[in-house]
Amino acid sequence: MAIFGLLIAGSAYMYWRAQQNKVDAGNVNDDWDETTGSVLPADLSTDPGTTPDTPARSA
């Protein structure tokens, strides 16, 4: 019973955590912030042409 309780508590925590930063049609393409582990709003992105696969453009 104790193990079952831990599984329920763990799944409840994961569900609660997933609800904190939902992915929807408005933020599915936002840039990922490696330092905080969350998405950056589109208006805070420094270079819209930069993705993890492409380096930043130099001027």
C-alpha atoms as a PDB file:
ATOM      1  CA  MET A   1       0.000   0.000   0.000  1.00  0.00           C
ATOM      2  CA  ALA A   2       2.863   2.386   0.724  1.00  0.00           C
ATOM      3  CA  ILE A   3       4.303   1.911  -2.765  1.00  0.00           C
ATOM      4  CA  PHE A   4       0.879   2.519  -4.308  1.00  0.00           C
ATOM      5  CA  GLY A   5       0.592   5.738  -2.290  1.00  0.00           C
ATOM      6  CA  LEU A   6       4.015   6.890  -3.518  1.00  0.00           C
ATOM      7  CA  LEU A   7       3.012   6.182  -7.116  1.00  0.00           C
ATOM      8  CA  ILE A   8      -0.198   8.195  -6.706  1.00  0.00           C
ATOM      9  CA  ALA A   9       1.692  11.077  -5.068  1.00  0.00           C
ATOM     10  CA  GLY A  10       4.334  11.044  -7.828  1.00  0.00           C
ATOM     11  CA  SER A  11       1.766  11.031 -10.606  1.00  0.00           C
ATOM     12  CA  ALA A  12      -0.211  13.832  -8.936  1.00  0.00           C
ATOM     13  CA  TYR A  13       2.969  15.926  -8.696  1.00  0.00           C
ATOM     14  CA  MET A  14       3.831  15.296 -12.353  1.00  0.00           C
ATOM     15  CA  TYR A  15       0.305  16.269 -13.421  1.00  0.00           C
ATOM     16  CA  TRP A  16       0.403  19.441 -11.315  1.00  0.00           C
ATOM     17  CA  ARG A  17       3.850  20.359 -12.700  1.00  0.00           C
ATOM     18  CA  ALA A  18       2.717  19.790 -16.295  1.00  0.00           C
ATOM     19  CA  GLN A  19      -0.192  22.178 -15.783  1.00  0.00           C
ATOM     20  CA  GLN A  20       2.126  25.021 -14.738  1.00  0.00           C
ATOM     21  CA  ASN A  21       3.477  25.682 -18.254  1.00  0.00           C
ATOM     22  CA  LYS A  22       1.043  24.314 -20.806  1.00  0.00           C
ATOM     23  CA  VAL A  23       1.951  23.951 -24.477  1.00  0.00           C
ATOM     24  CA  ASP A  24      -0.721  25.205 -26.842  1.00  0.00           C
ATOM     25  CA  ALA A  25      -0.993  26.671 -30.342  1.00  0.00           C
ATOM     26  CA  GLY A  26       0.182  30.057 -29.057  1.00  0.00           C
ATOM     27  CA  ASN A  27       3.522  28.932 -27.614  1.00  0.00           C
ATOM     28  CA  VAL A  28       4.413  25.712 -29.434  1.00  0.00           C
ATOM     29  CA  ASN A  29       7.195  27.416 -31.439  1.00  0.00           C
ATOM     30  CA  ASP A  30       8.689  29.520 -28.632  1.00  0.00           C
ATOM     31  CA  ASP A  31      12.445  29.353 -28.051  1.00  0.00           C
ATOM     32  CA  TRP A  32      13.739  27.180 -25.207  1.00  0.00           C
ATOM     33  CA  ASP A  33      15.669  28.803 -22.359  1.00  0.00           C
ATOM     34  CA  GLU A  34      18.405  26.399 -21.222  1.00  0.00           C
ATOM     35  CA  THR A  35      19.038  28.228 -17.925  1.00  0.00           C
ATOM     36  CA  THR A  36      15.485  28.111 -16.577  1.00  0.00           C
ATOM     37  CA  GLY A  37      14.240  25.024 -18.401  1.00  0.00           C
ATOM     38  CA  SER A  38      11.176  26.765 -19.811  1.00  0.00           C
ATOM     39  CA  VAL A  39      10.094  28.542 -22.954  1.00  0.00           C
ATOM     40  CA  LEU A  40      10.879  32.157 -23.714  1.00  0.00           C
ATOM     41  CA  PRO A  41       8.045  34.402 -24.873  1.00  0.00           C
ATOM     42  CA  ALA A  42       8.363  35.258 -28.566  1.00  0.00           C
ATOM     43  CA  ASP A  43       8.832  38.985 -27.857  1.00  0.00           C
ATOM     44  CA  LEU A  44      11.888  38.300 -25.652  1.00  0.00           C
ATOM     45  CA  SER A  45      13.698  36.256 -28.288  1.00  0.00           C
ATOM     46  CA  THR A  46      16.946  37.972 -29.302  1.00  0.00           C
ATOM     47  CA  ASP A  47      17.120  36.705 -32.890  1.00  0.00           C
ATOM     48  CA  PRO A  48      14.084  35.064 -34.475  1.00  0.00           C
ATOM     49  CA  GLY A  49      16.278  33.350 -37.082  1.00  0.00           C
ATOM     50  CA  THR A  50      18.310  31.552 -34.415  1.00  0.00           C
ATOM     51  CA  THR A  51      17.362  28.053 -33.392  1.00  0.00           C
ATOM     52  CA  PRO A  52      19.339  25.410 -31.480  1.00  0.00           C
ATOM     53  CA  ASP A  53      20.334  23.946 -34.875  1.00  0.00           C
ATOM     54  CA  THR A  54      21.467  27.210 -36.478  1.00  0.00           C
ATOM     55  CA  PRO A  55      24.045  29.634 -35.072  1.00  0.00           C
ATOM     56  CA  ALA A  56      23.288  33.296 -34.538  1.00  0.00           C
ATOM     57  CA  ARG A  57      23.832  35.534 -37.538  1.00  0.00           C
ATOM     58  CA  SER A  58      26.705  37.974 -37.336  1.00  0.00           C
ATOM     59  CA  ALA A  59      26.288  41.540 -38.539  1.00  0.00           C
END
